[in-house]
Amino acid sequence: MERAEFIRLVHQALRDVPSPFREHLREIDIVVKRRPSRADLAEAELGPGESMYGFYRGVPLTERGGGYNLVAPDVIDVYQEPLEEDFPDEGELIAEIRATVLHELGHFFGIDDERLEELGRG
């Protein structure tokens, strides 16, 4: 898939975020990368041969105090190649891009992996 089309699908997933949460999206950068770097994998505590579809870096909204200001926006990386490799069917790929974006946004909103799993966003 062309990078521009992949980016369009990521933006489409962001449009599905309910309005009470959408206003916070200006506080986060969403970046499409080809694949995770070794540093990304190490930071996520993944070993050789493992990969990931997305990665959130930042301070979740629920952990920000009154002194939280003048900082760079949080970042969500979405990794195109691992998603395309694992989901060659276009419909499945679109669904997984959406699931990845929503999962990582969950971390931004302070939801941990265990709770995301309970919510069906694991």
PDB file of N, CA and C in Angstrom:
ATOM      1  N   MET A   1       0.854  -1.174   0.000  1.00  0.00           N
ATOM      2  CA  MET A   1       0.000   0.000   0.000  1.00  0.00           C
ATOM      3  C   MET A   1       0.897   1.233   0.000  1.00  0.00           C
ATOM      4  N   GLU A   2       0.490   2.219  -0.756  1.00  0.00           N
ATOM      5  CA  GLU A   2       1.237   3.478  -0.783  1.00  0.00           C
ATOM      6  C   GLU A   2       1.157   4.150   0.591  1.00  0.00           C
ATOM      7  N   ARG A   3       2.240   4.822   0.950  1.00  0.00           N
ATOM      8  CA  ARG A   3       2.313   5.484   2.251  1.00  0.00           C
ATOM      9  C   ARG A   3       1.168   6.488   2.446  1.00  0.00           C
ATOM     10  N   ALA A   4       0.847   7.250   1.404  1.00  0.00           N
ATOM     11  CA  ALA A   4      -0.227   8.255   1.512  1.00  0.00           C
ATOM     12  C   ALA A   4      -1.559   7.600   1.841  1.00  0.00           C
ATOM     13  N   GLU A   5      -1.844   6.452   1.250  1.00  0.00           N
ATOM     14  CA  GLU A   5      -3.089   5.738   1.528  1.00  0.00           C
ATOM     15  C   GLU A   5      -3.091   5.227   2.965  1.00  0.00           C
ATOM     16  N   PHE A   6      -1.959   4.702   3.422  1.00  0.00           N
ATOM     17  CA  PHE A   6      -1.842   4.211   4.793  1.00  0.00           C
ATOM     18  C   PHE A   6      -2.093   5.365   5.771  1.00  0.00           C
ATOM     19  N   ILE A   7      -1.477   6.509   5.522  1.00  0.00           N
ATOM     20  CA  ILE A   7      -1.669   7.686   6.380  1.00  0.00           C
ATOM     21  C   ILE A   7      -3.134   8.107   6.378  1.00  0.00           C
ATOM     22  N   ARG A   8      -3.780   8.040   5.225  1.00  0.00           N
ATOM     23  CA  ARG A   8      -5.203   8.377   5.144  1.00  0.00           C
ATOM     24  C   ARG A   8      -6.018   7.460   6.053  1.00  0.00           C
ATOM     25  N   LEU A   9      -5.670   6.173   6.089  1.00  0.00           N
ATOM     26  CA  LEU A   9      -6.391   5.224   6.939  1.00  0.00           C
ATOM     27  C   LEU A   9      -6.170   5.515   8.424  1.00  0.00           C
ATOM     28  N   VAL A  10      -4.970   5.961   8.775  1.00  0.00           N
ATOM     29  CA  VAL A  10      -4.709   6.360  10.160  1.00  0.00           C
ATOM     30  C   VAL A  10      -5.574   7.577  10.514  1.00  0.00           C
ATOM     31  N   HIS A  11      -5.646   8.556   9.619  1.00  0.00           N
ATOM     32  CA  HIS A  11      -6.486   9.736   9.858  1.00  0.00           C
ATOM     33  C   HIS A  11      -7.960   9.354   9.951  1.00  0.00           C
ATOM     34  N   GLN A  12      -8.368   8.401   9.140  1.00  0.00           N
ATOM     35  CA  GLN A  12      -9.756   7.926   9.191  1.00  0.00           C
ATOM     36  C   GLN A  12     -10.061   7.337  10.563  1.00  0.00           C
ATOM     37  N   ALA A  13      -9.124   6.568  11.120  1.00  0.00           N
ATOM     38  CA  ALA A  13      -9.319   5.996  12.458  1.00  0.00           C
ATOM     39  C   ALA A  13      -9.449   7.100  13.503  1.00  0.00           C
ATOM     40  N   LEU A  14      -8.704   8.179  13.346  1.00  0.00           N
ATOM     41  CA  LEU A  14      -8.777   9.289  14.301  1.00  0.00           C
ATOM     42  C   LEU A  14     -10.124   9.997  14.244  1.00  0.00           C
ATOM     43  N   ARG A  15     -10.740  10.030  13.070  1.00  0.00           N
ATOM     44  CA  ARG A  15     -12.060  10.656  12.950  1.00  0.00           C
ATOM     45  C   ARG A  15     -13.124   9.880  13.721  1.00  0.00           C
ATOM     46  N   ASP A  16     -12.861   8.605  14.010  1.00  0.00           N
ATOM     47  CA  ASP A  16     -13.814   7.784  14.745  1.00  0.00           C
ATOM     48  C   ASP A  16     -13.756   8.004  16.256  1.00  0.00           C
ATOM     49  N   VAL A  17     -12.802   8.795  16.723  1.00  0.00           N
ATOM     50  CA  VAL A  17     -12.679   9.050  18.157  1.00  0.00           C
ATOM     51  C   VAL A  17     -13.852   9.924  18.586  1.00  0.00           C
ATOM     52  N   PRO A  18     -14.584   9.516  19.634  1.00  0.00           N
ATOM     53  CA  PRO A  18     -15.739  10.305  20.089  1.00  0.00           C
ATOM     54  C   PRO A  18     -15.340  11.731  20.468  1.00  0.00           C
ATOM     55  N   SER A  19     -16.249  12.667  20.238  1.00  0.00           N
ATOM     56  CA  SER A  19     -15.944  14.091  20.409  1.00  0.00           C
ATOM     57  C   SER A  19     -15.420  14.477  21.794  1.00  0.00           C
ATOM     58  N   PRO A  20     -15.890  13.905  22.902  1.00  0.00           N
ATOM     59  CA  PRO A  20     -15.314  14.354  24.178  1.00  0.00           C
ATOM     60  C   PRO A  20     -13.808  14.073  24.263  1.00  0.00           C
ATOM     61  N   PHE A  21     -13.350  13.065  23.545  1.00  0.00           N
ATOM     62  CA  PHE A  21     -11.942  12.702  23.571  1.00  0.00           C
ATOM     63  C   PHE A  21     -11.164  13.373  22.442  1.00  0.00           C
ATOM     64  N   ARG A  22     -11.850  13.677  21.354  1.00  0.00           N
ATOM     65  CA  ARG A  22     -11.194  14.221  20.164  1.00  0.00           C
ATOM     66  C   ARG A  22     -10.479  15.539  20.451  1.00  0.00           C
ATOM     67  N   GLU A  23     -11.024  16.338  21.377  1.00  0.00           N
ATOM     68  CA  GLU A  23     -10.398  17.624  21.672  1.00  0.00           C
ATOM     69  C   GLU A  23      -8.978  17.475  22.211  1.00  0.00           C
ATOM     70  N   HIS A  24      -8.654  16.331  22.789  1.00  0.00           N
ATOM     71  CA  HIS A  24      -7.311  16.100  23.333  1.00  0.00           C
ATOM     72  C   HIS A  24      -6.303  15.689  22.252  1.00  0.00           C
ATOM     73  N   LEU A  25      -6.770  15.400  21.055  1.00  0.00           N
ATOM     74  CA  LEU A  25      -5.867  14.915  20.007  1.00  0.00           C
ATOM     75  C   LEU A  25      -4.843  15.958  19.582  1.00  0.00           C
ATOM     76  N   ARG A  26      -5.100  17.214  19.859  1.00  0.00           N
ATOM     77  CA  ARG A  26      -4.112  18.245  19.510  1.00  0.00           C
ATOM     78  C   ARG A  26      -2.895  18.177  20.440  1.00  0.00           C
ATOM     79  N   GLU A  27      -3.009  17.391  21.516  1.00  0.00           N
ATOM     80  CA  GLU A  27      -1.919  17.240  22.471  1.00  0.00           C
ATOM     81  C   GLU A  27      -1.009  16.064  22.134  1.00  0.00           C
ATOM     82  N   ILE A  28      -1.244  15.422  21.008  1.00  0.00           N
ATOM     83  CA  ILE A  28      -0.467  14.244  20.652  1.00  0.00           C
ATOM     84  C   ILE A  28      -0.158  14.247  19.163  1.00  0.00           C
ATOM     85  N   ASP A  29       1.043  13.819  18.820  1.00  0.00           N
ATOM     86  CA  ASP A  29       1.432  13.672  17.418  1.00  0.00           C
ATOM     87  C   ASP A  29       1.294  12.205  17.032  1.00  0.00           C
ATOM     88  N   ILE A  30       0.697  11.954  15.887  1.00  0.00           N
ATOM     89  CA  ILE A  30       0.591  10.589  15.352  1.00  0.00           C
ATOM     90  C   ILE A  30       1.541  10.527  14.165  1.00  0.00           C
ATOM     91  N   VAL A  31       2.503   9.606  14.220  1.00  0.00           N
ATOM     92  CA  VAL A  31       3.541   9.505  13.213  1.00  0.00           C
ATOM     93  C   VAL A  31       3.508   8.105  12.602  1.00  0.00           C
ATOM     94  N   VAL A  32       3.488   8.042  11.273  1.00  0.00           N
ATOM     95  CA  VAL A  32       3.574   6.756  10.584  1.00  0.00           C
ATOM     96  C   VAL A  32       5.037   6.517  10.248  1.00  0.00           C
ATOM     97  N   LYS A  33       5.544   5.377  10.697  1.00  0.00           N
ATOM     98  CA  LYS A  33       6.922   4.964  10.404  1.00  0.00           C
ATOM     99  C   LYS A  33       6.891   3.641   9.652  1.00  0.00           C
ATOM    100  N   ARG A  34       7.949   3.388   8.915  1.00  0.00           N
ATOM    101  CA  ARG A  34       8.030   2.113   8.180  1.00  0.00           C
ATOM    102  C   ARG A  34       7.964   0.925   9.121  1.00  0.00           C
ATOM    103  N   ARG A  35       8.837   0.913  10.090  1.00  0.00           N
ATOM    104  CA  ARG A  35       8.881  -0.179  11.065  1.00  0.00           C
ATOM    105  C   ARG A  35       9.552   0.308  12.335  1.00  0.00           C
ATOM    106  N   PRO A  36       9.387  -0.415  13.438  1.00  0.00           N
ATOM    107  CA  PRO A  36      10.031   0.021  14.679  1.00  0.00           C
ATOM    108  C   PRO A  36      11.554  -0.107  14.584  1.00  0.00           C
ATOM    109  N   SER A  37      12.251   0.849  15.162  1.00  0.00           N
ATOM    110  CA  SER A  37      13.710   0.781  15.232  1.00  0.00           C
ATOM    111  C   SER A  37      14.119  -0.169  16.350  1.00  0.00           C
ATOM    112  N   ARG A  38      15.387  -0.496  16.404  1.00  0.00           N
ATOM    113  CA  ARG A  38      15.886  -1.330  17.516  1.00  0.00           C
ATOM    114  C   ARG A  38      15.646  -0.631  18.849  1.00  0.00           C
ATOM    115  N   ALA A  39      15.819   0.683  18.853  1.00  0.00           N
ATOM    116  CA  ALA A  39      15.582   1.444  20.088  1.00  0.00           C
ATOM    117  C   ALA A  39      14.112   1.377  20.498  1.00  0.00           C
ATOM    118  N   ASP A  40      13.201   1.455  19.519  1.00  0.00           N
ATOM    119  CA  ASP A  40      11.768   1.332  19.813  1.00  0.00           C
ATOM    120  C   ASP A  40      11.477  -0.022  20.451  1.00  0.00           C
ATOM    121  N   LEU A  41      12.019  -1.079  19.845  1.00  0.00           N
ATOM    122  CA  LEU A  41      11.780  -2.435  20.353  1.00  0.00           C
ATOM    123  C   LEU A  41      12.353  -2.608  21.751  1.00  0.00           C
ATOM    124  N   ALA A  42      13.552  -2.047  21.984  1.00  0.00           N
ATOM    125  CA  ALA A  42      14.166  -2.145  23.305  1.00  0.00           C
ATOM    126  C   ALA A  42      13.335  -1.385  24.336  1.00  0.00           C
ATOM    127  N   GLU A  43      12.859  -0.197  23.967  1.00  0.00           N
ATOM    128  CA  GLU A  43      12.038   0.598  24.887  1.00  0.00           C
ATOM    129  C   GLU A  43      10.736  -0.123  25.234  1.00  0.00           C
ATOM    130  N   ALA A  44      10.199  -0.874  24.267  1.00  0.00           N
ATOM    131  CA  ALA A  44       8.971  -1.641  24.497  1.00  0.00           C
ATOM    132  C   ALA A  44       9.266  -3.001  25.126  1.00  0.00           C
ATOM    133  N   GLU A  45      10.547  -3.257  25.393  1.00  0.00           N
ATOM    134  CA  GLU A  45      10.991  -4.511  26.012  1.00  0.00           C
ATOM    135  C   GLU A  45      10.641  -5.722  25.163  1.00  0.00           C
ATOM    136  N   LEU A  46      10.821  -5.586  23.839  1.00  0.00           N
ATOM    137  CA  LEU A  46      10.603  -6.690  22.911  1.00  0.00           C
ATOM    138  C   LEU A  46      11.951  -7.237  22.477  1.00  0.00           C
ATOM    139  N   GLY A  47      11.995  -8.537  22.263  1.00  0.00           N
ATOM    140  CA  GLY A  47      13.238  -9.196  21.908  1.00  0.00           C
ATOM    141  C   GLY A  47      13.415  -9.361  20.408  1.00  0.00           C
ATOM    142  N   PRO A  48      14.529 -10.000  20.020  1.00  0.00           N
ATOM    143  CA  PRO A  48      14.789 -10.252  18.602  1.00  0.00           C
ATOM    144  C   PRO A  48      13.657 -11.066  17.975  1.00  0.00           C
ATOM    145  N   GLY A  49      13.287 -10.686  16.778  1.00  0.00           N
ATOM    146  CA  GLY A  49      12.219 -11.394  16.073  1.00  0.00           C
ATOM    147  C   GLY A  49      10.825 -10.931  16.439  1.00  0.00           C
ATOM    148  N   GLU A  50      10.697 -10.109  17.479  1.00  0.00           N
ATOM    149  CA  GLU A  50       9.391  -9.577  17.858  1.00  0.00           C
ATOM    150  C   GLU A  50       9.195  -8.227  17.178  1.00  0.00           C
ATOM    151  N   SER A  51       7.961  -7.834  17.029  1.00  0.00           N
ATOM    152  CA  SER A  51       7.658  -6.541  16.437  1.00  0.00           C
ATOM    153  C   SER A  51       6.412  -5.984  17.102  1.00  0.00           C
ATOM    154  N   MET A  52       5.996  -4.834  16.634  1.00  0.00           N
ATOM    155  CA  MET A  52       4.794  -4.210  17.179  1.00  0.00           C
ATOM    156  C   MET A  52       4.179  -3.347  16.102  1.00  0.00           C
ATOM    157  N   TYR A  53       2.909  -3.000  16.302  1.00  0.00           N
ATOM    158  CA  TYR A  53       2.169  -2.210  15.323  1.00  0.00           C
ATOM    159  C   TYR A  53       2.140  -0.729  15.666  1.00  0.00           C
ATOM    160  N   GLY A  54       2.239  -0.423  16.943  1.00  0.00           N
ATOM    161  CA  GLY A  54       2.193   0.956  17.379  1.00  0.00           C
ATOM    162  C   GLY A  54       2.885   1.109  18.717  1.00  0.00           C
ATOM    163  N   PHE A  55       3.215   2.358  19.062  1.00  0.00           N
ATOM    164  CA  PHE A  55       3.920   2.604  20.323  1.00  0.00           C
ATOM    165  C   PHE A  55       3.604   4.020  20.798  1.00  0.00           C
ATOM    166  N   TYR A  56       3.186   4.135  22.063  1.00  0.00           N
ATOM    167  CA  TYR A  56       2.878   5.428  22.678  1.00  0.00           C
ATOM    168  C   TYR A  56       4.044   5.863  23.558  1.00  0.00           C
ATOM    169  N   ARG A  57       4.433   7.124  23.408  1.00  0.00           N
ATOM    170  CA  ARG A  57       5.458   7.726  24.263  1.00  0.00           C
ATOM    171  C   ARG A  57       4.898   9.024  24.835  1.00  0.00           C
ATOM    172  N   GLY A  58       4.965   9.134  26.139  1.00  0.00           N
ATOM    173  CA  GLY A  58       4.507  10.373  26.745  1.00  0.00           C
ATOM    174  C   GLY A  58       4.030  10.167  28.164  1.00  0.00           C
ATOM    175  N   VAL A  59       3.349  11.163  28.659  1.00  0.00           N
ATOM    176  CA  VAL A  59       2.765  11.124  29.995  1.00  0.00           C
ATOM    177  C   VAL A  59       1.251  11.077  29.813  1.00  0.00           C
ATOM    178  N   PRO A  60       0.614   9.964  30.216  1.00  0.00           N
ATOM    179  CA  PRO A  60      -0.842   9.858  30.046  1.00  0.00           C
ATOM    180  C   PRO A  60      -1.577  11.021  30.714  1.00  0.00           C
ATOM    181  N   LEU A  61      -2.702  11.374  30.137  1.00  0.00           N
ATOM    182  CA  LEU A  61      -3.490  12.490  30.667  1.00  0.00           C
ATOM    183  C   LEU A  61      -3.811  12.312  32.146  1.00  0.00           C
ATOM    184  N   THR A  62      -4.037  11.078  32.570  1.00  0.00           N
ATOM    185  CA  THR A  62      -4.411  10.820  33.962  1.00  0.00           C
ATOM    186  C   THR A  62      -3.255  11.015  34.932  1.00  0.00           C
ATOM    187  N   GLU A  63      -2.031  11.140  34.432  1.00  0.00           N
ATOM    188  CA  GLU A  63      -0.857  11.291  35.302  1.00  0.00           C
ATOM    189  C   GLU A  63      -0.292  12.708  35.281  1.00  0.00           C
ATOM    190  N   ARG A  64      -0.935  13.604  34.577  1.00  0.00           N
ATOM    191  CA  ARG A  64      -0.429  14.971  34.471  1.00  0.00           C
ATOM    192  C   ARG A  64      -0.922  15.805  35.637  1.00  0.00           C
ATOM    193  N   GLY A  65       0.013  16.495  36.259  1.00  0.00           N
ATOM    194  CA  GLY A  65      -0.341  17.367  37.370  1.00  0.00           C
ATOM    195  C   GLY A  65      -0.418  18.811  36.924  1.00  0.00           C
ATOM    196  N   GLY A  66      -0.608  19.684  37.878  1.00  0.00           N
ATOM    197  CA  GLY A  66      -0.729  21.108  37.602  1.00  0.00           C
ATOM    198  C   GLY A  66       0.534  21.714  37.008  1.00  0.00           C
ATOM    199  N   GLY A  67       1.685  21.116  37.262  1.00  0.00           N
ATOM    200  CA  GLY A  67       2.938  21.643  36.741  1.00  0.00           C
ATOM    201  C   GLY A  67       3.297  21.104  35.369  1.00  0.00           C
ATOM    202  N   TYR A  68       2.379  20.377  34.756  1.00  0.00           N
ATOM    203  CA  TYR A  68       2.660  19.798  33.442  1.00  0.00           C
ATOM    204  C   TYR A  68       2.392  20.842  32.368  1.00  0.00           C
ATOM    205  N   ASN A  69       3.473  21.448  31.857  1.00  0.00           N
ATOM    206  CA  ASN A  69       3.335  22.421  30.773  1.00  0.00           C
ATOM    207  C   ASN A  69       4.684  22.599  30.090  1.00  0.00           C
ATOM    208  N   LEU A  70       4.658  23.274  28.958  1.00  0.00           N
ATOM    209  CA  LEU A  70       5.859  23.554  28.183  1.00  0.00           C
ATOM    210  C   LEU A  70       6.652  22.294  27.842  1.00  0.00           C
ATOM    211  N   VAL A  71       5.926  21.268  27.458  1.00  0.00           N
ATOM    212  CA  VAL A  71       6.568  20.022  27.031  1.00  0.00           C
ATOM    213  C   VAL A  71       6.137  19.715  25.599  1.00  0.00           C
ATOM    214  N   ALA A  72       6.965  18.951  24.925  1.00  0.00           N
ATOM    215  CA  ALA A  72       6.626  18.525  23.566  1.00  0.00           C
ATOM    216  C   ALA A  72       5.408  17.615  23.623  1.00  0.00           C
ATOM    217  N   PRO A  73       4.628  17.578  22.553  1.00  0.00           N
ATOM    218  CA  PRO A  73       3.452  16.694  22.546  1.00  0.00           C
ATOM    219  C   PRO A  73       3.859  15.227  22.701  1.00  0.00           C
ATOM    220  N   ASP A  74       2.967  14.447  23.271  1.00  0.00           N
ATOM    221  CA  ASP A  74       3.159  13.006  23.294  1.00  0.00           C
ATOM    222  C   ASP A  74       3.141  12.508  21.853  1.00  0.00           C
ATOM    223  N   VAL A  75       3.635  11.285  21.643  1.00  0.00           N
ATOM    224  CA  VAL A  75       3.742  10.745  20.289  1.00  0.00           C
ATOM    225  C   VAL A  75       3.217   9.315  20.247  1.00  0.00           C
ATOM    226  N   ILE A  76       2.460   9.021  19.205  1.00  0.00           N
ATOM    227  CA  ILE A  76       2.099   7.646  18.875  1.00  0.00           C
ATOM    228  C   ILE A  76       2.730   7.345  17.533  1.00  0.00           C
ATOM    229  N   ASP A  77       3.552   6.302  17.501  1.00  0.00           N
ATOM    230  CA  ASP A  77       4.100   5.807  16.239  1.00  0.00           C
ATOM    231  C   ASP A  77       3.217   4.662  15.773  1.00  0.00           C
ATOM    232  N   VAL A  78       2.892   4.646  14.491  1.00  0.00           N
ATOM    233  CA  VAL A  78       2.161   3.542  13.861  1.00  0.00           C
ATOM    234  C   VAL A  78       3.099   2.981  12.800  1.00  0.00           C
ATOM    235  N   TYR A  79       3.334   1.675  12.857  1.00  0.00           N
ATOM    236  CA  TYR A  79       4.339   1.030  12.009  1.00  0.00           C
ATOM    237  C   TYR A  79       3.675   0.326  10.828  1.00  0.00           C
ATOM    238  N   GLN A  80       3.908   0.855   9.647  1.00  0.00           N
ATOM    239  CA  GLN A  80       3.230   0.391   8.440  1.00  0.00           C
ATOM    240  C   GLN A  80       3.616  -1.033   8.035  1.00  0.00           C
ATOM    241  N   GLU A  81       4.901  -1.337   7.932  1.00  0.00           N
ATOM    242  CA  GLU A  81       5.308  -2.641   7.399  1.00  0.00           C
ATOM    243  C   GLU A  81       4.836  -3.820   8.245  1.00  0.00           C
ATOM    244  N   PRO A  82       4.996  -3.797   9.580  1.00  0.00           N
ATOM    245  CA  PRO A  82       4.500  -4.943  10.351  1.00  0.00           C
ATOM    246  C   PRO A  82       2.989  -5.158  10.181  1.00  0.00           C
ATOM    247  N   LEU A  83       2.246  -4.069  10.102  1.00  0.00           N
ATOM    248  CA  LEU A  83       0.800  -4.188   9.896  1.00  0.00           C
ATOM    249  C   LEU A  83       0.502  -4.808   8.538  1.00  0.00           C
ATOM    250  N   GLU A  84       1.164  -4.331   7.497  1.00  0.00           N
ATOM    251  CA  GLU A  84       0.924  -4.869   6.158  1.00  0.00           C
ATOM    252  C   GLU A  84       1.371  -6.322   6.044  1.00  0.00           C
ATOM    253  N   GLU A  85       2.463  -6.676   6.703  1.00  0.00           N
ATOM    254  CA  GLU A  85       2.953  -8.063   6.654  1.00  0.00           C
ATOM    255  C   GLU A  85       1.977  -9.023   7.323  1.00  0.00           C
ATOM    256  N   ASP A  86       1.433  -8.623   8.457  1.00  0.00           N
ATOM    257  CA  ASP A  86       0.561  -9.517   9.224  1.00  0.00           C
ATOM    258  C   ASP A  86      -0.898  -9.489   8.768  1.00  0.00           C
ATOM    259  N   PHE A  87      -1.279  -8.461   8.005  1.00  0.00           N
ATOM    260  CA  PHE A  87      -2.663  -8.323   7.560  1.00  0.00           C
ATOM    261  C   PHE A  87      -2.694  -8.000   6.059  1.00  0.00           C
ATOM    262  N   PRO A  88      -2.410  -9.010   5.210  1.00  0.00           N
ATOM    263  CA  PRO A  88      -2.363  -8.756   3.760  1.00  0.00           C
ATOM    264  C   PRO A  88      -3.736  -8.453   3.157  1.00  0.00           C
ATOM    265  N   ASP A  89      -4.805  -8.912   3.806  1.00  0.00           N
ATOM    266  CA  ASP A  89      -6.157  -8.606   3.337  1.00  0.00           C
ATOM    267  C   ASP A  89      -6.473  -7.146   3.673  1.00  0.00           C
ATOM    268  N   GLU A  90      -6.909  -6.383   2.682  1.00  0.00           N
ATOM    269  CA  GLU A  90      -7.123  -4.951   2.878  1.00  0.00           C
ATOM    270  C   GLU A  90      -8.141  -4.651   3.967  1.00  0.00           C
ATOM    271  N   GLY A  91      -9.223  -5.404   4.017  1.00  0.00           N
ATOM    272  CA  GLY A  91     -10.232  -5.178   5.050  1.00  0.00           C
ATOM    273  C   GLY A  91      -9.690  -5.433   6.442  1.00  0.00           C
ATOM    274  N   GLU A  92      -8.927  -6.499   6.595  1.00  0.00           N
ATOM    275  CA  GLU A  92      -8.317  -6.798   7.893  1.00  0.00           C
ATOM    276  C   GLU A  92      -7.280  -5.746   8.260  1.00  0.00           C
ATOM    277  N   LEU A  93      -6.520  -5.275   7.263  1.00  0.00           N
ATOM    278  CA  LEU A  93      -5.515  -4.245   7.510  1.00  0.00           C
ATOM    279  C   LEU A  93      -6.178  -2.962   8.007  1.00  0.00           C
ATOM    280  N   ILE A  94      -7.244  -2.555   7.368  1.00  0.00           N
ATOM    281  CA  ILE A  94      -7.960  -1.337   7.782  1.00  0.00           C
ATOM    282  C   ILE A  94      -8.459  -1.477   9.217  1.00  0.00           C
ATOM    283  N   ALA A  95      -9.011  -2.642   9.542  1.00  0.00           N
ATOM    284  CA  ALA A  95      -9.511  -2.878  10.900  1.00  0.00           C
ATOM    285  C   ALA A  95      -8.373  -2.848  11.922  1.00  0.00           C
ATOM    286  N   GLU A  96      -7.227  -3.415  11.555  1.00  0.00           N
ATOM    287  CA  GLU A  96      -6.104  -3.453  12.494  1.00  0.00           C
ATOM    288  C   GLU A  96      -5.438  -2.091  12.658  1.00  0.00           C
ATOM    289  N   ILE A  97      -5.398  -1.292  11.608  1.00  0.00           N
ATOM    290  CA  ILE A  97      -4.890   0.081  11.747  1.00  0.00           C
ATOM    291  C   ILE A  97      -5.758   0.822  12.759  1.00  0.00           C
ATOM    292  N   ARG A  98      -7.062   0.698  12.597  1.00  0.00           N
ATOM    293  CA  ARG A  98      -7.992   1.354  13.529  1.00  0.00           C
ATOM    294  C   ARG A  98      -7.781   0.842  14.951  1.00  0.00           C
ATOM    295  N   ALA A  99      -7.673  -0.480  15.097  1.00  0.00           N
ATOM    296  CA  ALA A  99      -7.471  -1.066  16.421  1.00  0.00           C
ATOM    297  C   ALA A  99      -6.160  -0.585  17.052  1.00  0.00           C
ATOM    298  N   THR A 100      -5.117  -0.484  16.245  1.00  0.00           N
ATOM    299  CA  THR A 100      -3.816  -0.023  16.741  1.00  0.00           C
ATOM    300  C   THR A 100      -3.891   1.426  17.199  1.00  0.00           C
ATOM    301  N   VAL A 101      -4.481   2.276  16.388  1.00  0.00           N
ATOM    302  CA  VAL A 101      -4.600   3.692  16.746  1.00  0.00           C
ATOM    303  C   VAL A 101      -5.408   3.841  18.036  1.00  0.00           C
ATOM    304  N   LEU A 102      -6.531   3.147  18.140  1.00  0.00           N
ATOM    305  CA  LEU A 102      -7.370   3.253  19.340  1.00  0.00           C
ATOM    306  C   LEU A 102      -6.667   2.677  20.568  1.00  0.00           C
ATOM    307  N   HIS A 103      -5.915   1.591  20.390  1.00  0.00           N
ATOM    308  CA  HIS A 103      -5.160   0.996  21.504  1.00  0.00           C
ATOM    309  C   HIS A 103      -4.145   2.004  22.046  1.00  0.00           C
ATOM    310  N   GLU A 104      -3.369   2.596  21.153  1.00  0.00           N
ATOM    311  CA  GLU A 104      -2.340   3.547  21.593  1.00  0.00           C
ATOM    312  C   GLU A 104      -2.967   4.810  22.178  1.00  0.00           C
ATOM    313  N   LEU A 105      -4.075   5.257  21.623  1.00  0.00           N
ATOM    314  CA  LEU A 105      -4.789   6.388  22.223  1.00  0.00           C
ATOM    315  C   LEU A 105      -5.283   6.038  23.619  1.00  0.00           C
ATOM    316  N   GLY A 106      -5.646   4.785  23.820  1.00  0.00           N
ATOM    317  CA  GLY A 106      -6.042   4.341  25.156  1.00  0.00           C
ATOM    318  C   GLY A 106      -4.935   4.590  26.168  1.00  0.00           C
ATOM    319  N   HIS A 107      -3.690   4.304  25.779  1.00  0.00           N
ATOM    320  CA  HIS A 107      -2.557   4.572  26.678  1.00  0.00           C
ATOM    321  C   HIS A 107      -2.422   6.070  26.947  1.00  0.00           C
ATOM    322  N   PHE A 108      -2.609   6.887  25.923  1.00  0.00           N
ATOM    323  CA  PHE A 108      -2.569   8.342  26.078  1.00  0.00           C
ATOM    324  C   PHE A 108      -3.609   8.802  27.099  1.00  0.00           C
ATOM    325  N   PHE A 109      -4.779   8.165  27.088  1.00  0.00           N
ATOM    326  CA  PHE A 109      -5.844   8.520  28.020  1.00  0.00           C
ATOM    327  C   PHE A 109      -5.694   7.827  29.376  1.00  0.00           C
ATOM    328  N   GLY A 110      -4.593   7.081  29.559  1.00  0.00           N
ATOM    329  CA  GLY A 110      -4.293   6.499  30.865  1.00  0.00           C
ATOM    330  C   GLY A 110      -4.790   5.089  31.079  1.00  0.00           C
ATOM    331  N   ILE A 111      -5.148   4.390  30.032  1.00  0.00           N
ATOM    332  CA  ILE A 111      -5.658   3.026  30.156  1.00  0.00           C
ATOM    333  C   ILE A 111      -4.507   2.043  29.922  1.00  0.00           C
ATOM    334  N   ASP A 112      -4.289   1.134  30.872  1.00  0.00           N
ATOM    335  CA  ASP A 112      -3.188   0.178  30.727  1.00  0.00           C
ATOM    336  C   ASP A 112      -3.602  -1.014  29.871  1.00  0.00           C
ATOM    337  N   ASP A 113      -2.628  -1.847  29.521  1.00  0.00           N
ATOM    338  CA  ASP A 113      -2.884  -2.983  28.629  1.00  0.00           C
ATOM    339  C   ASP A 113      -3.924  -3.944  29.183  1.00  0.00           C
ATOM    340  N   GLU A 114      -3.887  -4.184  30.486  1.00  0.00           N
ATOM    341  CA  GLU A 114      -4.855  -5.104  31.088  1.00  0.00           C
ATOM    342  C   GLU A 114      -6.289  -4.614  30.893  1.00  0.00           C
ATOM    343  N   ARG A 115      -6.504  -3.339  31.154  1.00  0.00           N
ATOM    344  CA  ARG A 115      -7.844  -2.772  30.997  1.00  0.00           C
ATOM    345  C   ARG A 115      -8.251  -2.698  29.518  1.00  0.00           C
ATOM    346  N   LEU A 116      -7.294  -2.387  28.638  1.00  0.00           N
ATOM    347  CA  LEU A 116      -7.593  -2.385  27.200  1.00  0.00           C
ATOM    348  C   LEU A 116      -8.043  -3.773  26.746  1.00  0.00           C
ATOM    349  N   GLU A 117      -7.396  -4.806  27.291  1.00  0.00           N
ATOM    350  CA  GLU A 117      -7.785  -6.176  26.969  1.00  0.00           C
ATOM    351  C   GLU A 117      -9.226  -6.434  27.424  1.00  0.00           C
ATOM    352  N   GLU A 118      -9.570  -5.997  28.629  1.00  0.00           N
ATOM    353  CA  GLU A 118     -10.928  -6.163  29.141  1.00  0.00           C
ATOM    354  C   GLU A 118     -11.947  -5.438  28.255  1.00  0.00           C
ATOM    355  N   LEU A 119     -11.538  -4.316  27.682  1.00  0.00           N
ATOM    356  CA  LEU A 119     -12.421  -3.521  26.838  1.00  0.00           C
ATOM    357  C   LEU A 119     -12.458  -4.009  25.398  1.00  0.00           C
ATOM    358  N   GLY A 120     -11.704  -5.073  25.098  1.00  0.00           N
ATOM    359  CA  GLY A 120     -11.656  -5.596  23.750  1.00  0.00           C
ATOM    360  C   GLY A 120     -10.749  -4.807  22.828  1.00  0.00           C
ATOM    361  N   ARG A 121      -9.818  -4.059  23.390  1.00  0.00           N
ATOM    362  CA  ARG A 121      -8.876  -3.246  22.608  1.00  0.00           C
ATOM    363  C   ARG A 121      -7.445  -3.683  22.839  1.00  0.00           C
ATOM    364  N   GLY A 122      -7.257  -4.923  23.286  1.00  0.00           N
ATOM    365  CA  GLY A 122      -5.929  -5.432  23.649  1.00  0.00           C
ATOM    366  C   GLY A 122      -4.982  -5.649  22.564  1.00  0.00           C
TER     367      GLY A 122
END
